[in-house]
PDB file of N, CA and C in Angstrom:
ATOM      1  N   MET A   1      64.629  96.795  88.738  1.00  0.00           N
ATOM      2  CA  MET A   1      65.402  95.564  88.837  1.00  0.00           C
ATOM      3  C   MET A   1      66.744  95.721  88.104  1.00  0.00           C
ATOM      4  N   ALA A   2      66.709  96.263  86.892  1.00  0.00           N
ATOM      5  CA  ALA A   2      67.928  96.416  86.094  1.00  0.00           C
ATOM      6  C   ALA A   2      68.895  97.377  86.795  1.00  0.00           C
ATOM      7  N   LYS A   3      68.349  98.453  87.377  1.00  0.00           N
ATOM      8  CA  LYS A   3      69.192  99.433  88.078  1.00  0.00           C
ATOM      9  C   LYS A   3      69.904  98.771  89.256  1.00  0.00           C
ATOM     10  N   ASN A   4      69.194  97.948  89.994  1.00  0.00           N
ATOM     11  CA  ASN A   4      69.752  97.291  91.186  1.00  0.00           C
ATOM     12  C   ASN A   4      70.926  96.379  90.807  1.00  0.00           C
ATOM     13  N   THR A   5      70.739  95.567  89.758  1.00  0.00           N
ATOM     14  CA  THR A   5      71.797  94.654  89.345  1.00  0.00           C
ATOM     15  C   THR A   5      73.014  95.443  88.843  1.00  0.00           C
ATOM     16  N   LYS A   6      72.780  96.547  88.117  1.00  0.00           N
ATOM     17  CA  LYS A   6      73.886  97.378  87.624  1.00  0.00           C
ATOM     18  C   LYS A   6      74.676  97.955  88.795  1.00  0.00           C
ATOM     19  N   GLN A   7      73.966  98.412  89.828  1.00  0.00           N
ATOM     20  CA  GLN A   7      74.627  98.979  91.006  1.00  0.00           C
ATOM     21  C   GLN A   7      75.509  97.915  91.674  1.00  0.00           C
ATOM     22  N   LYS A   8      74.985  96.708  91.813  1.00  0.00           N
ATOM     23  CA  LYS A   8      75.762  95.622  92.428  1.00  0.00           C
ATOM     24  C   LYS A   8      77.016  95.342  91.597  1.00  0.00           C
ATOM     25  N   LYS A   9      76.879  95.322  90.274  1.00  0.00           N
ATOM     26  CA  LYS A   9      78.014  95.074  89.378  1.00  0.00           C
ATOM     27  C   LYS A   9      79.065  96.164  89.565  1.00  0.00           C
ATOM     28  N   ASP A  10      78.626  97.431  89.662  1.00  0.00           N
ATOM     29  CA  ASP A  10      79.548  98.551  89.854  1.00  0.00           C
ATOM     30  C   ASP A  10      80.298  98.401  91.172  1.00  0.00           C
ATOM     31  N   ILE A  11      79.579  98.019  92.232  1.00  0.00           N
ATOM     32  CA  ILE A  11      80.201  97.842  93.546  1.00  0.00           C
ATOM     33  C   ILE A  11      81.259  96.741  93.450  1.00  0.00           C
ATOM     34  N   GLY A  12      80.949  95.679  92.743  1.00  0.00           N
ATOM     35  CA  GLY A  12      81.897  94.579  92.560  1.00  0.00           C
ATOM     36  C   GLY A  12      83.146  95.046  91.837  1.00  0.00           C
ATOM     37  N   LYS A  13      82.958  95.838  90.783  1.00  0.00           N
ATOM     38  CA  LYS A  13      84.104  96.367  90.026  1.00  0.00           C
ATOM     39  C   LYS A  13      84.971  97.247  90.911  1.00  0.00           C
ATOM     40  N   ILE A  14      84.318  98.122  91.692  1.00  0.00           N
ATOM     41  CA  ILE A  14      85.045  99.035  92.577  1.00  0.00           C
ATOM     42  C   ILE A  14      85.823  98.223  93.617  1.00  0.00           C
ATOM     43  N   ALA A  15      85.176  97.219  94.201  1.00  0.00           N
ATOM     44  CA  ALA A  15      85.827  96.378  95.215  1.00  0.00           C
ATOM     45  C   ALA A  15      87.037  95.671  94.613  1.00  0.00           C
ATOM     46  N   THR A  16      86.899  95.183  93.381  1.00  0.00           N
ATOM     47  CA  THR A  16      88.006  94.495  92.706  1.00  0.00           C
ATOM     48  C   THR A  16      89.175  95.464  92.502  1.00  0.00           C
ATOM     49  N   LYS A  17      88.869  96.687  92.062  1.00  0.00           N
ATOM     50  CA  LYS A  17      89.910  97.696  91.848  1.00  0.00           C
ATOM     51  C   LYS A  17      90.626  97.995  93.154  1.00  0.00           C
ATOM     52  N   ILE A  18      89.859  98.151  94.239  1.00  0.00           N
ATOM     53  CA  ILE A  18      90.444  98.449  95.551  1.00  0.00           C
ATOM     54  C   ILE A  18      91.368  97.311  95.970  1.00  0.00           C
ATOM     55  N   MET A  19      90.913  96.059  95.783  1.00  0.00           N
ATOM     56  CA  MET A  19      91.732  94.900  96.152  1.00  0.00           C
ATOM     57  C   MET A  19      93.038  94.897  95.361  1.00  0.00           C
ATOM     58  N   VAL A  20      92.958  95.177  94.046  1.00  0.00           N
ATOM     59  CA  VAL A  20      94.154  95.205  93.196  1.00  0.00           C
ATOM     60  C   VAL A  20      95.112  96.282  93.679  1.00  0.00           C
ATOM     61  N   ILE A  21      94.583  97.461  93.984  1.00  0.00           N
ATOM     62  CA  ILE A  21      95.423  98.573  94.452  1.00  0.00           C
ATOM     63  C   ILE A  21      96.100  98.201  95.767  1.00  0.00           C
ATOM     64  N   VAL A  22      95.337  97.580  96.686  1.00  0.00           N
ATOM     65  CA  VAL A  22      95.891  97.179  97.990  1.00  0.00           C
ATOM     66  C   VAL A  22      97.004  96.159  97.787  1.00  0.00           C
ATOM     67  N   LEU A  23      96.773  95.167  96.917  1.00  0.00           N
ATOM     68  CA  LEU A  23      97.785  94.136  96.672  1.00  0.00           C
ATOM     69  C   LEU A  23      99.054  94.742  96.078  1.00  0.00           C
ATOM     70  N   ILE A  24      98.905  95.643  95.109  1.00  0.00           N
ATOM     71  CA  ILE A  24     100.064  96.297  94.497  1.00  0.00           C
ATOM     72  C   ILE A  24     100.822  97.110  95.543  1.00  0.00           C
ATOM     73  N   ALA A  25     100.084  97.845  96.383  1.00  0.00           N
ATOM     74  CA  ALA A  25     100.708  98.651  97.433  1.00  0.00           C
ATOM     75  C   ALA A  25     101.495  97.758  98.390  1.00  0.00           C
ATOM     76  N   MET A  26     100.924  96.623  98.776  1.00  0.00           N
ATOM     77  CA  MET A  26     101.593  95.692  99.679  1.00  0.00           C
ATOM     78  C   MET A  26     102.866  95.146  99.036  1.00  0.00           C
ATOM     79  N   MET A  27     102.785  94.800  97.749  1.00  0.00           N
ATOM     80  CA  MET A  27     103.954  94.277  97.032  1.00  0.00           C
ATOM     81  C   MET A  27     105.060  95.332  96.999  1.00  0.00           C
ATOM     82  N   LEU A  28     104.700  96.575  96.671  1.00  0.00           N
ATOM     83  CA  LEU A  28     105.687  97.648  96.611  1.00  0.00           C
ATOM     84  C   LEU A  28     106.316  97.880  97.976  1.00  0.00           C
ATOM     85  N   LEU A  29     105.489  97.854  99.034  1.00  0.00           N
ATOM     86  CA  LEU A  29     105.999  98.062 100.386  1.00  0.00           C
ATOM     87  C   LEU A  29     106.972  96.954 100.770  1.00  0.00           C
ATOM     88  N   SER A  30     106.625  95.704 100.454  1.00  0.00           N
ATOM     89  CA  SER A  30     107.488  94.578 100.809  1.00  0.00           C
ATOM     90  C   SER A  30     108.812  94.659 100.047  1.00  0.00           C
ATOM     91  N   VAL A  31     108.754  95.032  98.774  1.00  0.00           N
ATOM     92  CA  VAL A  31     109.982  95.167  97.973  1.00  0.00           C
ATOM     93  C   VAL A  31     110.850  96.286  98.543  1.00  0.00           C
ATOM     94  N   ALA A  32     110.225  97.414  98.854  1.00  0.00           N
ATOM     95  CA  ALA A  32     110.965  98.554  99.408  1.00  0.00           C
ATOM     96  C   ALA A  32     111.580  98.170 100.754  1.00  0.00           C
ATOM     97  N   ALA A  33     110.819  97.479 101.613  1.00  0.00           N
ATOM     98  CA  ALA A  33     111.322  97.066 102.922  1.00  0.00           C
ATOM     99  C   ALA A  33     112.509  96.119 102.760  1.00  0.00           C
ATOM    100  N   THR A  34     112.409  95.200 101.809  1.00  0.00           N
ATOM    101  CA  THR A  34     113.503  94.246 101.569  1.00  0.00           C
ATOM    102  C   THR A  34     114.761  94.986 101.101  1.00  0.00           C
ATOM    103  N   LEU A  35     114.592  95.934 100.199  1.00  0.00           N
ATOM    104  CA  LEU A  35     115.743  96.706  99.702  1.00  0.00           C
ATOM    105  C   LEU A  35     116.394  97.499 100.833  1.00  0.00           C
ATOM    106  N   ILE A  36     115.566  98.170 101.631  1.00  0.00           N
ATOM    107  CA  ILE A  36     116.096  98.971 102.747  1.00  0.00           C
ATOM    108  C   ILE A  36     116.824  98.047 103.729  1.00  0.00           C
ATOM    109  N   TYR A  37     116.220  96.915 104.042  1.00  0.00           N
ATOM    110  CA  TYR A  37     116.820  95.970 104.981  1.00  0.00           C
ATOM    111  C   TYR A  37     118.169  95.460 104.461  1.00  0.00           C
ATOM    112  N   SER A  38     118.213  95.132 103.185  1.00  0.00           N
ATOM    113  CA  SER A  38     119.454  94.604 102.605  1.00  0.00           C
ATOM    114  C   SER A  38     120.532  95.693 102.555  1.00  0.00           C
ATOM    115  N   LEU A  39     120.140  96.958 102.379  1.00  0.00           N
ATOM    116  CA  LEU A  39     121.104  98.061 102.354  1.00  0.00           C
ATOM    117  C   LEU A  39     121.629  98.351 103.748  1.00  0.00           C
ATOM    118  N   VAL A  40     120.741  98.346 104.737  1.00  0.00           N
ATOM    119  CA  VAL A  40     121.130  98.699 106.109  1.00  0.00           C
ATOM    120  C   VAL A  40     121.973  97.583 106.724  1.00  0.00           C
ATOM    121  N   PHE A  41     121.546  96.325 106.548  1.00  0.00           N
ATOM    122  CA  PHE A  41     122.250  95.206 107.204  1.00  0.00           C
ATOM    123  C   PHE A  41     123.126  94.448 106.208  1.00  0.00           C
TER     124      PHE A  41
END
Protein backbone atom coordinates (compact mmCIF):
# COMPACT_ATOMS: atom_id res chain seq x y z
CA MET A 1 0.00 0.00 0.00
CA ALA A 2 2.76 2.46 0.97
CA LYS A 3 4.70 1.68 -2.24
CA ASN A 4 1.62 2.35 -4.39
CA THR A 5 0.92 5.76 -2.82
CA LYS A 6 4.62 6.74 -3.16
CA GLN A 7 4.56 5.81 -6.85
CA LYS A 8 1.44 7.94 -7.42
CA LYS A 9 3.11 10.88 -5.61
CA ASP A 10 6.22 10.50 -7.82
CA ILE A 11 4.08 10.46 -10.97
CA GLY A 12 2.35 13.64 -9.77
CA LYS A 13 5.70 15.35 -9.16
CA ILE A 14 6.97 14.31 -12.59
CA ALA A 15 3.76 15.52 -14.27
CA THR A 16 4.04 18.87 -12.44
CA LYS A 17 7.67 19.26 -13.58
CA ILE A 18 6.69 18.45 -17.18
CA MET A 19 3.86 21.01 -17.06
CA VAL A 20 6.24 23.68 -15.68
CA ILE A 21 8.81 22.93 -18.40
CA VAL A 22 6.11 23.08 -21.12
CA LEU A 23 4.79 26.41 -19.79
CA ILE A 24 8.29 27.92 -19.64
CA ALA A 25 9.04 26.67 -23.17
CA MET A 26 5.79 28.21 -24.45
CA MET A 27 6.58 31.53 -22.75
CA LEU A 28 10.09 31.60 -24.24
CA LEU A 29 8.73 30.73 -27.69
CA SER A 30 6.09 33.48 -27.52
CA VAL A 31 8.67 36.06 -26.38
CA ALA A 32 11.09 35.01 -29.13
CA ALA A 33 8.29 35.11 -31.75
CA THR A 34 7.26 38.59 -30.59
CA LEU A 35 10.85 39.86 -30.78
CA ILE A 36 11.38 38.38 -34.25
CA TYR A 37 8.06 39.80 -35.44
CA SER A 38 8.84 43.26 -34.09
CA LEU A 39 12.32 43.17 -35.72
CA VAL A 40 11.07 41.97 -39.12
CA PHE A 41 7.99 44.24 -39.35
